[in-house]
Amino acid sequence: MNNWKKTFGIIWTGQFISSITSNTAGYAVIFWLSLTTGSAAVLAYSFMAGILPQLIIGLFSGAYVDKWDRKRTMIFSDMFIAVCTAFLCIIFYFGKIEIWQIYILLAMRSVGSSFHTPAMQASVPLLAPESALMRISGVNQVIHSVSSIASPALAAFLLAVFKNQMPMVLSLDIFGALIACISLLFVKIPNPEQKTVSENIFEQIKIGLSAIFQNRGLRWLFTCEMSAMFFIIPISALFPLITTDFFGGKEYEMSVVEIAWGVGMLLGGAALSLKLFSNFNRVKMISIACFVVGITFLFSGLLRQNMFAVFAGLTAISGVAVAFWSSAFTVILQTNIAPEKLGRAFSIYDSLSMMPSMLALIISGYLTKLIGLPALLVISGVCICITAGFVSIKKEARKMGK
């Protein structure tokens, strides 16, 4: 671990470029769908297509991540995602794009992510000392945040410049994936010694589940996480529609909201990268951050249609909170689960924490028509605040925060 900073520097360079190009392509598709259809259901279904395969396959992918070479897993995953984007470029180029085709290709990209994400997360504790994990998580948030700031603006700009030229925008994702793969070739990522030789995939899943649920404190935190995501994910999927339908915005306003979120994530990640928060109680951090997100949703639902600037500001605040929340939970997993089980634990965590939100996404499309977007924001905000109150109730959960 003597050269862990150099190793992360190389990895972060590739991931930073890949993150910007991939998110730019993603925002371009979201903006295109918002402007073309104006449908809450289409946005909800596209969001589901982008994460549902990852949730299902994630139950199994972690077992293979722990078994396979983690660096090769990340490289092949990136290349698979790039190929899927190439197919999307071809369909747009020939002008025969259908909504269902976008759903399928978003789903295929999600398959690649179901292997790449846990492989990356599980590699971190093998590359750096435990004392640096919170700071590394903060830097990862900074990279994600800068990408969130630049990508929507770049997507809106490219859509304005290259009208009806989606292949030009989407091709950036292919370029970014190649850079990420090349950067990984220059680093060595160790693989943990395997303590289990079972080839039964269901036995491997059972090991990943037990790694999370046998710990009473972790089990409680995980349950609260799922509850909060049930209300957060549908709202985040509908942000473009909230901007266009309620506040009357266009490409520029949609990009402003996404940039505001990114700025918040950047500030939160930058703060976490300092030693100041290295020993801060992580469970309290999650509870406070969850409450802040709920408050921002609640107040957003009470805004008038001419208060778009306030909405953008509240979005930035929620971005700061999510940066703290996500980083704290990631470090709790990394420090409480054995390295040889982390791939399975992270993939199962990513899957199960998001699964309830799939039902919420389906419901949100109908509730939007029934009660309207503002009311949906208020209800979600109240429920998230209630969840925040339950985070640190359990004594076992509070102990995990130290």
Foldseek 3Di string as FASTA:
>chain_A
DVCLVVLVVLLLVLVLLLLLLVLLLVLLVLQCCCVVPVALLLLLLLVCLQAVLLLVCLLQLLLVLLVDFLLVLQLVLLQQLLVLLVVVLVCLVVVNDDSVSSSNSSNSNSNSCSNNVLSVLLQVCVRDPLLQLLLVLLVVLLSNLVSLQNNLVVNLVCCVVVPSNSSVSSNSSNVSSVSSSVSSVPDDGDRDDDPDDDPDSVVLSVLLVCLQVVQPLSVQLLVLLLQLLLQPVLLVSCLVSCCCVQLVDHSVLSSLLSNLLSLLSNVLSVVSNDSPCSQPQLLLLQLVLLLLLLVLLQVLLVDHNNPSVVNSNSSSNNSNSVSSNVSSSSSLSNVRGDSSNSSSNVSNSSNSSNVSNSVSSNVVSVVCVVPNDSVSSNVSSVSSNVSSVSRPPDPSNSVSRD
